[in-house]
């Protein structure tokens, strides 16, 4: 049984709480937030230092605002705790390196919560394109502005998912980056962006993301030597288009995807990581640093 403390009970924290409560092999032994807004079965703390002194747990799940990640992570690490940190790992590359340094010193098991890695349609897409030549990958992630976001722009909140997915799906590193962004309805942070990349093996990639679209859309399109794939991350559907003919016809195949909640799969992987040391697809601090470095570039 892995004893876990959940730090941060906002909208995302509530999702983590619901999932953690439902999983075998995990027991929530402490909760922490600046204020208690509802009743919980578990011991609740409004001071993280008090929780670290009194609560019995081996791993912490950190779901506080991004600007607090470094402070909370370092306090937990210095008490010998393993960590699950919601993405991105920190507000800046420098802060992320600070976390990495202490994590290595404490020999802690740390992962960063890039949930889309555990979307079943992403796993199936990776299986489908394994061993074939990839030509291009394009990702669209758009929707209305989420009120829960106050401290970061769209590059840090949304595009980091897809920069990570591009590397994760292709297994290739990004060599060149171009980012075009704008502020259309926000004063302090970008809310509209297009990102273009050149990867190893001359794979080209792009990300279209914004908080301006009235509906949510999450799709991945991959062109390979053998076929073209469209993945819908929200519906967990994957379609293959292949065998293009001169008469403009082609074969359509619906790939089989076992639909599951990505956060459930991610926390099961985290539980097993604490027990065995096997990451099983979990994002490392180093991976998140690469993503932060790319998303923070300006042209």
C-alpha atoms as a PDB file:
ATOM      1  CA  UNK A   1       0.000   0.000   0.000  1.00  0.00           C
ATOM      2  CA  UNK A   2       1.422   3.374  -1.044  1.00  0.00           C
ATOM      3  CA  UNK A   3       0.546   6.155   1.421  1.00  0.00           C
ATOM      4  CA  UNK A   4      -0.035   9.440  -0.397  1.00  0.00           C
ATOM      5  CA  UNK A   5      -0.528  13.081   0.591  1.00  0.00           C
ATOM      6  CA  UNK A   6      -2.461  15.260  -1.844  1.00  0.00           C
ATOM      7  CA  UNK A   7      -1.398  18.908  -1.829  1.00  0.00           C
ATOM      8  CA  UNK A   8      -3.807  21.253  -3.597  1.00  0.00           C
ATOM      9  CA  UNK A   9      -7.571  20.704  -3.661  1.00  0.00           C
ATOM     10  CA  UNK A  10      -8.626  23.074  -6.455  1.00  0.00           C
ATOM     11  CA  UNK A  11     -10.434  21.879  -9.574  1.00  0.00           C
ATOM     12  CA  UNK A  12      -7.535  19.708 -10.735  1.00  0.00           C
ATOM     13  CA  UNK A  13      -6.836  18.580  -7.191  1.00  0.00           C
ATOM     14  CA  UNK A  14     -10.416  17.362  -6.889  1.00  0.00           C
ATOM     15  CA  UNK A  15      -9.891  15.173  -9.947  1.00  0.00           C
ATOM     16  CA  UNK A  16      -6.776  13.689  -8.410  1.00  0.00           C
ATOM     17  CA  UNK A  17      -8.605  13.157  -5.120  1.00  0.00           C
ATOM     18  CA  UNK A  18     -11.466  11.310  -6.828  1.00  0.00           C
ATOM     19  CA  UNK A  19      -9.105   9.041  -8.751  1.00  0.00           C
ATOM     20  CA  UNK A  20      -6.702   8.361  -5.885  1.00  0.00           C
ATOM     21  CA  UNK A  21      -9.629   7.400  -3.623  1.00  0.00           C
ATOM     22  CA  UNK A  22     -10.766   4.801  -6.166  1.00  0.00           C
ATOM     23  CA  UNK A  23      -7.504   2.975  -6.792  1.00  0.00           C
ATOM     24  CA  UNK A  24      -6.262  -0.222  -5.169  1.00  0.00           C
ATOM     25  CA  UNK A  25      -2.860  -0.084  -3.559  1.00  0.00           C
ATOM     26  CA  UNK A  26      -3.085   3.625  -2.756  1.00  0.00           C
ATOM     27  CA  UNK A  27      -4.231   5.237   0.484  1.00  0.00           C
ATOM     28  CA  UNK A  28      -4.606   8.978   0.971  1.00  0.00           C
ATOM     29  CA  UNK A  29      -3.314   9.698   4.467  1.00  0.00           C
ATOM     30  CA  UNK A  30      -3.204  13.514   4.318  1.00  0.00           C
ATOM     31  CA  UNK A  31      -4.713  16.450   2.451  1.00  0.00           C
ATOM     32  CA  UNK A  32      -3.371  19.993   2.329  1.00  0.00           C
ATOM     33  CA  UNK A  33      -4.628  23.322   1.021  1.00  0.00           C
ATOM     34  CA  UNK A  34      -4.710  26.905   2.228  1.00  0.00           C
ATOM     35  CA  UNK A  35      -8.377  26.540   3.205  1.00  0.00           C
ATOM     36  CA  UNK A  36     -10.789  23.695   3.854  1.00  0.00           C
ATOM     37  CA  UNK A  37     -13.866  24.239   1.686  1.00  0.00           C
ATOM     38  CA  UNK A  38     -15.574  20.883   2.232  1.00  0.00           C
ATOM     39  CA  UNK A  39     -15.471  17.886   4.506  1.00  0.00           C
ATOM     40  CA  UNK A  40     -13.082  14.999   3.846  1.00  0.00           C
ATOM     41  CA  UNK A  41     -12.527  11.609   5.424  1.00  0.00           C
ATOM     42  CA  UNK A  42      -8.765  12.119   5.558  1.00  0.00           C
ATOM     43  CA  UNK A  43      -6.743  14.372   7.923  1.00  0.00           C
ATOM     44  CA  UNK A  44      -6.693  17.892   6.484  1.00  0.00           C
ATOM     45  CA  UNK A  45      -3.931  20.466   6.954  1.00  0.00           C
ATOM     46  CA  UNK A  46      -3.826  24.127   5.996  1.00  0.00           C
ATOM     47  CA  UNK A  47      -0.090  24.365   6.662  1.00  0.00           C
ATOM     48  CA  UNK A  48       2.300  22.211   4.653  1.00  0.00           C
ATOM     49  CA  UNK A  49       5.021  22.340   7.305  1.00  0.00           C
ATOM     50  CA  UNK A  50       2.618  20.964   9.899  1.00  0.00           C
ATOM     51  CA  UNK A  51       1.568  18.216   7.501  1.00  0.00           C
ATOM     52  CA  UNK A  52       5.168  17.250   6.826  1.00  0.00           C
ATOM     53  CA  UNK A  53       5.810  16.989  10.577  1.00  0.00           C
ATOM     54  CA  UNK A  54       2.666  15.087  11.553  1.00  0.00           C
ATOM     55  CA  UNK A  55       1.339  13.095   8.587  1.00  0.00           C
ATOM     56  CA  UNK A  56       2.418   9.561   7.666  1.00  0.00           C
ATOM     57  CA  UNK A  57       3.034   9.255   3.910  1.00  0.00           C
ATOM     58  CA  UNK A  58       5.777   8.283   1.470  1.00  0.00           C
ATOM     59  CA  UNK A  59       4.693  10.145  -1.667  1.00  0.00           C
ATOM     60  CA  UNK A  60       3.093  13.517  -2.340  1.00  0.00           C
ATOM     61  CA  UNK A  61       0.899  14.518  -5.261  1.00  0.00           C
ATOM     62  CA  UNK A  62       1.420  18.244  -5.889  1.00  0.00           C
ATOM     63  CA  UNK A  63      -1.475  20.041  -7.593  1.00  0.00           C
ATOM     64  CA  UNK A  64      -0.893  23.617  -6.434  1.00  0.00           C
ATOM     65  CA  UNK A  65      -0.556  26.589  -8.831  1.00  0.00           C
ATOM     66  CA  UNK A  66       2.582  26.379 -10.955  1.00  0.00           C
ATOM     67  CA  UNK A  67       4.369  29.264  -9.231  1.00  0.00           C
ATOM     68  CA  UNK A  68       4.270  27.270  -5.972  1.00  0.00           C
ATOM     69  CA  UNK A  69       5.670  24.027  -7.400  1.00  0.00           C
ATOM     70  CA  UNK A  70       9.287  24.697  -6.484  1.00  0.00           C
ATOM     71  CA  UNK A  71       8.579  25.719  -2.887  1.00  0.00           C
ATOM     72  CA  UNK A  72       6.269  22.788  -2.181  1.00  0.00           C
ATOM     73  CA  UNK A  73       8.402  20.234  -4.029  1.00  0.00           C
ATOM     74  CA  UNK A  74      11.609  21.204  -2.209  1.00  0.00           C
ATOM     75  CA  UNK A  75       9.930  21.025   1.198  1.00  0.00           C
ATOM     76  CA  UNK A  76       8.636  17.526   0.445  1.00  0.00           C
ATOM     77  CA  UNK A  77      11.896  16.321  -1.067  1.00  0.00           C
ATOM     78  CA  UNK A  78      13.915  17.470   1.921  1.00  0.00           C
ATOM     79  CA  UNK A  79      11.630  15.336   4.101  1.00  0.00           C
ATOM     80  CA  UNK A  80      12.422  12.278   1.990  1.00  0.00           C
ATOM     81  CA  UNK A  81       9.162  12.112   0.044  1.00  0.00           C
ATOM     82  CA  UNK A  82       8.644  10.842  -3.498  1.00  0.00           C
ATOM     83  CA  UNK A  83       6.702  13.175  -5.800  1.00  0.00           C
ATOM     84  CA  UNK A  84       4.075  13.390  -8.493  1.00  0.00           C
ATOM     85  CA  UNK A  85       4.101  17.017  -9.719  1.00  0.00           C
ATOM     86  CA  UNK A  86       1.357  18.241 -12.033  1.00  0.00           C
ATOM     87  CA  UNK A  87       2.714  19.690 -15.255  1.00  0.00           C
ATOM     88  CA  UNK A  88       4.707  21.749 -15.840  1.00  0.00           C
ATOM     89  CA  UNK A  89       7.303  20.810 -13.245  1.00  0.00           C
ATOM     90  CA  UNK A  90       7.923  24.495 -12.406  1.00  0.00           C
ATOM     91  CA  UNK A  91       7.383  28.063 -13.589  1.00  0.00           C
ATOM     92  CA  UNK A  92      10.812  28.299 -15.211  1.00  0.00           C
ATOM     93  CA  UNK A  93      13.684  26.170 -16.425  1.00  0.00           C
ATOM     94  CA  UNK A  94      15.836  27.481 -13.567  1.00  0.00           C
ATOM     95  CA  UNK A  95      13.295  26.426 -10.929  1.00  0.00           C
ATOM     96  CA  UNK A  96      12.961  23.028 -12.587  1.00  0.00           C
ATOM     97  CA  UNK A  97      16.714  22.504 -12.348  1.00  0.00           C
ATOM     98  CA  UNK A  98      16.554  23.397  -8.643  1.00  0.00           C
ATOM     99  CA  UNK A  99      13.951  20.659  -8.109  1.00  0.00           C
ATOM    100  CA  UNK A 100      15.980  18.172 -10.153  1.00  0.00           C
ATOM    101  CA  UNK A 101      19.117  18.864  -8.115  1.00  0.00           C
ATOM    102  CA  UNK A 102      17.429  18.178  -4.776  1.00  0.00           C
ATOM    103  CA  UNK A 103      15.545  15.168  -6.147  1.00  0.00           C
ATOM    104  CA  UNK A 104      18.842  13.619  -7.223  1.00  0.00           C
ATOM    105  CA  UNK A 105      20.482  14.439  -3.890  1.00  0.00           C
ATOM    106  CA  UNK A 106      17.625  12.762  -2.009  1.00  0.00           C
ATOM    107  CA  UNK A 107      17.425   9.834  -4.461  1.00  0.00           C
ATOM    108  CA  UNK A 108      13.714  10.553  -4.765  1.00  0.00           C
ATOM    109  CA  UNK A 109      11.339   9.038  -7.298  1.00  0.00           C
ATOM    110  CA  UNK A 110       9.763  11.993  -9.084  1.00  0.00           C
ATOM    111  CA  UNK A 111       7.473  12.178 -12.090  1.00  0.00           C
ATOM    112  CA  UNK A 112       5.632  15.030 -13.789  1.00  0.00           C
ATOM    113  CA  UNK A 113       1.959  14.730 -14.659  1.00  0.00           C
ATOM    114  CA  UNK A 114       1.735  14.825 -18.451  1.00  0.00           C
ATOM    115  CA  UNK A 115      -1.576  13.027 -18.548  1.00  0.00           C
ATOM    116  CA  UNK A 116      -1.887  12.699 -22.327  1.00  0.00           C
ATOM    117  CA  UNK A 117       0.898  10.109 -22.298  1.00  0.00           C
ATOM    118  CA  UNK A 118      -1.665   7.854 -20.633  1.00  0.00           C
ATOM    119  CA  UNK A 119      -4.511   8.538 -23.032  1.00  0.00           C
ATOM    120  CA  UNK A 120      -5.284   5.100 -24.540  1.00  0.00           C
ATOM    121  CA  UNK A 121      -5.534   6.580 -28.032  1.00  0.00           C
ATOM    122  CA  UNK A 122      -1.955   7.892 -27.733  1.00  0.00           C
ATOM    123  CA  UNK A 123      -0.746   4.438 -26.735  1.00  0.00           C
ATOM    124  CA  UNK A 124      -2.550   2.852 -29.681  1.00  0.00           C
ATOM    125  CA  UNK A 125      -1.227   5.505 -32.081  1.00  0.00           C
ATOM    126  CA  UNK A 126       2.328   4.780 -30.915  1.00  0.00           C
ATOM    127  CA  UNK A 127       1.748   1.074 -31.490  1.00  0.00           C
ATOM    128  CA  UNK A 128       0.343   1.677 -34.970  1.00  0.00           C
ATOM    129  CA  UNK A 129       3.268   3.781 -36.199  1.00  0.00           C
ATOM    130  CA  UNK A 130       6.023   1.765 -34.526  1.00  0.00           C
ATOM    131  CA  UNK A 131       8.632   0.699 -37.046  1.00  0.00           C
ATOM    132  CA  UNK A 132       7.354   2.856 -39.895  1.00  0.00           C
ATOM    133  CA  UNK A 133       8.825   6.080 -41.256  1.00  0.00           C
ATOM    134  CA  UNK A 134       7.103   9.172 -39.837  1.00  0.00           C
ATOM    135  CA  UNK A 135       6.726  12.154 -42.157  1.00  0.00           C
ATOM    136  CA  UNK A 136       4.861  14.668 -40.011  1.00  0.00           C
ATOM    137  CA  UNK A 137       2.793  15.141 -36.871  1.00  0.00           C
ATOM    138  CA  UNK A 138       0.286  17.904 -36.205  1.00  0.00           C
ATOM    139  CA  UNK A 139      -1.576  18.555 -32.964  1.00  0.00           C
ATOM    140  CA  UNK A 140      -4.557  20.829 -32.340  1.00  0.00           C
ATOM    141  CA  UNK A 141      -5.506  21.765 -28.773  1.00  0.00           C
ATOM    142  CA  UNK A 142      -8.029  24.608 -28.587  1.00  0.00           C
ATOM    143  CA  UNK A 143     -10.980  25.694 -26.474  1.00  0.00           C
ATOM    144  CA  UNK A 144     -12.463  28.474 -24.372  1.00  0.00           C
ATOM    145  CA  UNK A 145     -10.441  30.069 -21.599  1.00  0.00           C
ATOM    146  CA  UNK A 146     -10.529  28.017 -18.354  1.00  0.00           C
ATOM    147  CA  UNK A 147     -11.153  30.330 -15.367  1.00  0.00           C
ATOM    148  CA  UNK A 148      -8.897  28.181 -13.159  1.00  0.00           C
ATOM    149  CA  UNK A 149      -5.837  29.480 -15.036  1.00  0.00           C
ATOM    150  CA  UNK A 150      -4.411  32.686 -13.582  1.00  0.00           C
ATOM    151  CA  UNK A 151      -0.619  32.411 -13.415  1.00  0.00           C
ATOM    152  CA  UNK A 152       0.509  31.163 -16.844  1.00  0.00           C
ATOM    153  CA  UNK A 153      -0.196  31.592 -20.544  1.00  0.00           C
ATOM    154  CA  UNK A 154      -1.261  29.067 -23.118  1.00  0.00           C
ATOM    155  CA  UNK A 155       2.288  27.974 -23.919  1.00  0.00           C
ATOM    156  CA  UNK A 156       2.904  26.850 -20.355  1.00  0.00           C
ATOM    157  CA  UNK A 157      -0.604  25.513 -19.727  1.00  0.00           C
ATOM    158  CA  UNK A 158      -1.488  23.769 -22.992  1.00  0.00           C
ATOM    159  CA  UNK A 159       1.345  23.583 -25.504  1.00  0.00           C
ATOM    160  CA  UNK A 160       3.605  21.809 -23.006  1.00  0.00           C
ATOM    161  CA  UNK A 161       1.277  18.795 -23.312  1.00  0.00           C
ATOM    162  CA  UNK A 162       1.809  18.637 -27.035  1.00  0.00           C
ATOM    163  CA  UNK A 163       5.517  19.414 -27.149  1.00  0.00           C
ATOM    164  CA  UNK A 164       5.906  16.442 -24.826  1.00  0.00           C
ATOM    165  CA  UNK A 165       3.574  14.324 -26.970  1.00  0.00           C
ATOM    166  CA  UNK A 166       5.545  15.075 -30.135  1.00  0.00           C
ATOM    167  CA  UNK A 167       8.724  13.744 -28.513  1.00  0.00           C
ATOM    168  CA  UNK A 168       6.891  10.875 -26.796  1.00  0.00           C
ATOM    169  CA  UNK A 169       5.026   9.641 -29.883  1.00  0.00           C
ATOM    170  CA  UNK A 170       7.855   9.967 -32.402  1.00  0.00           C
ATOM    171  CA  UNK A 171      10.738   9.027 -30.123  1.00  0.00           C
ATOM    172  CA  UNK A 172      12.718  11.847 -31.764  1.00  0.00           C
ATOM    173  CA  UNK A 173      14.265  15.008 -30.360  1.00  0.00           C
ATOM    174  CA  UNK A 174      13.292  18.493 -31.537  1.00  0.00           C
ATOM    175  CA  UNK A 175      16.099  20.245 -33.427  1.00  0.00           C
ATOM    176  CA  UNK A 176      14.506  23.536 -34.530  1.00  0.00           C
ATOM    177  CA  UNK A 177      11.600  25.544 -33.135  1.00  0.00           C
ATOM    178  CA  UNK A 178       9.539  28.505 -34.301  1.00  0.00           C
ATOM    179  CA  UNK A 179       6.821  29.948 -32.048  1.00  0.00           C
ATOM    180  CA  UNK A 180       4.268  32.556 -33.078  1.00  0.00           C
ATOM    181  CA  UNK A 181       1.998  33.847 -30.321  1.00  0.00           C
ATOM    182  CA  UNK A 182      -0.367  36.698 -29.518  1.00  0.00           C
ATOM    183  CA  UNK A 183      -2.552  38.173 -26.770  1.00  0.00           C
ATOM    184  CA  UNK A 184      -6.083  38.579 -28.071  1.00  0.00           C
ATOM    185  CA  UNK A 185      -8.307  38.629 -24.986  1.00  0.00           C
ATOM    186  CA  UNK A 186      -5.758  38.636 -22.127  1.00  0.00           C
ATOM    187  CA  UNK A 187      -3.457  41.368 -20.884  1.00  0.00           C
ATOM    188  CA  UNK A 188      -0.656  39.432 -19.237  1.00  0.00           C
ATOM    189  CA  UNK A 189      -0.289  36.079 -21.018  1.00  0.00           C
ATOM    190  CA  UNK A 190      -0.477  34.752 -24.566  1.00  0.00           C
ATOM    191  CA  UNK A 191      -3.749  33.039 -25.474  1.00  0.00           C
ATOM    192  CA  UNK A 192      -3.122  32.136 -29.114  1.00  0.00           C
ATOM    193  CA  UNK A 193      -0.136  30.318 -30.607  1.00  0.00           C
ATOM    194  CA  UNK A 194       1.188  28.255 -33.487  1.00  0.00           C
ATOM    195  CA  UNK A 195       4.388  26.279 -32.975  1.00  0.00           C
ATOM    196  CA  UNK A 196       6.455  24.648 -35.711  1.00  0.00           C
ATOM    197  CA  UNK A 197       9.268  22.135 -35.304  1.00  0.00           C
ATOM    198  CA  UNK A 198      11.884  20.151 -37.146  1.00  0.00           C
ATOM    199  CA  UNK A 199      12.736  16.854 -35.493  1.00  0.00           C
ATOM    200  CA  UNK A 200      15.443  14.304 -36.069  1.00  0.00           C
ATOM    201  CA  UNK A 201      15.098  12.289 -39.296  1.00  0.00           C
ATOM    202  CA  UNK A 202      13.517  15.309 -41.036  1.00  0.00           C
ATOM    203  CA  UNK A 203      10.165  14.862 -39.319  1.00  0.00           C
ATOM    204  CA  UNK A 204       8.175  18.098 -39.298  1.00  0.00           C
ATOM    205  CA  UNK A 205       5.638  18.918 -36.597  1.00  0.00           C
ATOM    206  CA  UNK A 206       3.216  21.644 -35.613  1.00  0.00           C
ATOM    207  CA  UNK A 207       0.949  22.649 -32.739  1.00  0.00           C
ATOM    208  CA  UNK A 208      -2.100  24.903 -33.009  1.00  0.00           C
ATOM    209  CA  UNK A 209      -3.405  26.043 -29.648  1.00  0.00           C
ATOM    210  CA  UNK A 210      -5.615  28.813 -28.271  1.00  0.00           C
ATOM    211  CA  UNK A 211      -8.142  29.885 -25.660  1.00  0.00           C
ATOM    212  CA  UNK A 212     -10.272  31.603 -28.293  1.00  0.00           C
ATOM    213  CA  UNK A 213     -12.279  28.697 -29.707  1.00  0.00           C
ATOM    214  CA  UNK A 214     -15.811  28.299 -28.237  1.00  0.00           C
ATOM    215  CA  UNK A 215     -15.523  24.494 -28.206  1.00  0.00           C
ATOM    216  CA  UNK A 216     -12.795  22.095 -27.077  1.00  0.00           C
ATOM    217  CA  UNK A 217     -10.816  20.177 -29.679  1.00  0.00           C
ATOM    218  CA  UNK A 218      -7.921  17.795 -29.049  1.00  0.00           C
ATOM    219  CA  UNK A 219      -6.592  15.981 -32.122  1.00  0.00           C
ATOM    220  CA  UNK A 220      -3.371  14.466 -33.448  1.00  0.00           C
ATOM    221  CA  UNK A 221      -2.666  13.809 -37.132  1.00  0.00           C
ATOM    222  CA  UNK A 222       0.320  11.725 -38.180  1.00  0.00           C
ATOM    223  CA  UNK A 223       1.498  11.090 -41.729  1.00  0.00           C
ATOM    224  CA  UNK A 224       3.727   8.042 -42.217  1.00  0.00           C
ATOM    225  CA  UNK A 225       5.189   6.192 -45.181  1.00  0.00           C
ATOM    226  CA  UNK A 226       2.385   3.636 -45.016  1.00  0.00           C
ATOM    227  CA  UNK A 227      -0.694   5.483 -43.772  1.00  0.00           C
ATOM    228  CA  UNK A 228      -2.242   8.637 -42.352  1.00  0.00           C
ATOM    229  CA  UNK A 229      -3.725   8.640 -38.835  1.00  0.00           C
ATOM    230  CA  UNK A 230      -6.237  10.878 -37.091  1.00  0.00           C
ATOM    231  CA  UNK A 231      -6.554  10.584 -33.309  1.00  0.00           C
ATOM    232  CA  UNK A 232      -9.256  12.257 -31.243  1.00  0.00           C
ATOM    233  CA  UNK A 233      -7.943  12.589 -27.693  1.00  0.00           C
ATOM    234  CA  UNK A 234     -11.319  13.489 -26.206  1.00  0.00           C
ATOM    235  CA  UNK A 235     -13.313  10.680 -27.830  1.00  0.00           C
ATOM    236  CA  UNK A 236     -10.349   8.265 -27.723  1.00  0.00           C
ATOM    237  CA  UNK A 237     -10.907   7.358 -31.377  1.00  0.00           C
ATOM    238  CA  UNK A 238      -8.172   6.495 -33.888  1.00  0.00           C
ATOM    239  CA  UNK A 239      -8.661   6.224 -37.650  1.00  0.00           C
ATOM    240  CA  UNK A 240      -6.197   5.013 -40.259  1.00  0.00           C
ATOM    241  CA  UNK A 241      -6.374   6.141 -43.896  1.00  0.00           C
ATOM    242  CA  UNK A 242      -4.300   4.040 -46.274  1.00  0.00           C
ATOM    243  CA  UNK A 243      -3.863   2.514 -49.753  1.00  0.00           C
ATOM    244  CA  UNK A 244      -4.402   5.699 -51.713  1.00  0.00           C
ATOM    245  CA  UNK A 245      -5.537   4.944 -55.282  1.00  0.00           C
ATOM    246  CA  UNK A 246      -5.358   6.940 -58.505  1.00  0.00           C
ATOM    247  CA  UNK A 247      -9.135   7.376 -58.493  1.00  0.00           C
ATOM    248  CA  UNK A 248      -8.869   9.317 -55.191  1.00  0.00           C
ATOM    249  CA  UNK A 249     -10.163   6.395 -53.136  1.00  0.00           C
ATOM    250  CA  UNK A 250      -8.558   5.049 -49.988  1.00  0.00           C
ATOM    251  CA  UNK A 251      -9.152   2.523 -47.240  1.00  0.00           C
ATOM    252  CA  UNK A 252     -10.488   3.678 -43.869  1.00  0.00           C
ATOM    253  CA  UNK A 253      -9.895   1.561 -40.775  1.00  0.00           C
ATOM    254  CA  UNK A 254     -11.124   2.301 -37.272  1.00  0.00           C
ATOM    255  CA  UNK A 255      -8.360   1.202 -34.920  1.00  0.00           C
ATOM    256  CA  UNK A 256      -9.434  -0.534 -31.757  1.00  0.00           C
ATOM    257  CA  UNK A 257      -8.887   1.572 -28.638  1.00  0.00           C
ATOM    258  CA  UNK A 258      -9.799   0.393 -25.147  1.00  0.00           C
ATOM    259  CA  UNK A 259     -11.271   3.537 -23.605  1.00  0.00           C
ATOM    260  CA  UNK A 260     -10.023   4.307 -20.094  1.00  0.00           C
ATOM    261  CA  UNK A 261      -9.566   7.419 -17.967  1.00  0.00           C
ATOM    262  CA  UNK A 262      -5.991   8.660 -18.510  1.00  0.00           C
ATOM    263  CA  UNK A 263      -5.612   9.954 -14.940  1.00  0.00           C
ATOM    264  CA  UNK A 264      -6.448   6.504 -13.567  1.00  0.00           C
ATOM    265  CA  UNK A 265      -3.789   4.928 -15.773  1.00  0.00           C
ATOM    266  CA  UNK A 266      -1.268   7.611 -14.808  1.00  0.00           C
ATOM    267  CA  UNK A 267      -1.743   7.151 -11.064  1.00  0.00           C
ATOM    268  CA  UNK A 268      -1.546   3.367 -11.371  1.00  0.00           C
ATOM    269  CA  UNK A 269       1.786   3.869 -13.117  1.00  0.00           C
ATOM    270  CA  UNK A 270       2.867   6.222 -10.316  1.00  0.00           C
ATOM    271  CA  UNK A 271       1.866   3.651  -7.686  1.00  0.00           C
ATOM    272  CA  UNK A 272       3.914   0.981  -9.449  1.00  0.00           C
ATOM    273  CA  UNK A 273       6.827   3.388  -9.876  1.00  0.00           C
ATOM    274  CA  UNK A 274       6.961   3.928  -6.111  1.00  0.00           C
ATOM    275  CA  UNK A 275       6.864   0.164  -5.542  1.00  0.00           C
ATOM    276  CA  UNK A 276       9.207  -1.062  -8.280  1.00  0.00           C
ATOM    277  CA  UNK A 277      11.137   1.914  -9.669  1.00  0.00           C
ATOM    278  CA  UNK A 278       9.799   1.197 -13.179  1.00  0.00           C
ATOM    279  CA  UNK A 279       8.550   4.397 -14.856  1.00  0.00           C
ATOM    280  CA  UNK A 280       6.291   2.798 -17.500  1.00  0.00           C
ATOM    281  CA  UNK A 281       5.918   5.978 -19.534  1.00  0.00           C
ATOM    282  CA  UNK A 282       5.852   8.502 -16.693  1.00  0.00           C
ATOM    283  CA  UNK A 283       7.393  11.867 -17.587  1.00  0.00           C
ATOM    284  CA  UNK A 284      10.721  12.694 -15.949  1.00  0.00           C
ATOM    285  CA  UNK A 285      11.852  16.063 -14.624  1.00  0.00           C
ATOM    286  CA  UNK A 286      14.401  16.102 -17.452  1.00  0.00           C
ATOM    287  CA  UNK A 287      11.616  15.609 -20.029  1.00  0.00           C
ATOM    288  CA  UNK A 288       9.655  18.474 -18.513  1.00  0.00           C
ATOM    289  CA  UNK A 289      12.735  20.698 -18.553  1.00  0.00           C
ATOM    290  CA  UNK A 290      13.158  20.074 -22.290  1.00  0.00           C
ATOM    291  CA  UNK A 291       9.508  20.993 -22.820  1.00  0.00           C
ATOM    292  CA  UNK A 292       9.872  24.166 -20.733  1.00  0.00           C
ATOM    293  CA  UNK A 293      12.983  25.175 -22.646  1.00  0.00           C
ATOM    294  CA  UNK A 294      11.149  24.819 -25.949  1.00  0.00           C
ATOM    295  CA  UNK A 295       7.922  26.542 -24.852  1.00  0.00           C
ATOM    296  CA  UNK A 296       9.840  29.497 -23.415  1.00  0.00           C
ATOM    297  CA  UNK A 297      11.697  30.246 -26.640  1.00  0.00           C
ATOM    298  CA  UNK A 298      10.875  33.471 -28.456  1.00  0.00           C
ATOM    299  CA  UNK A 299      11.508  34.313 -32.098  1.00  0.00           C
END
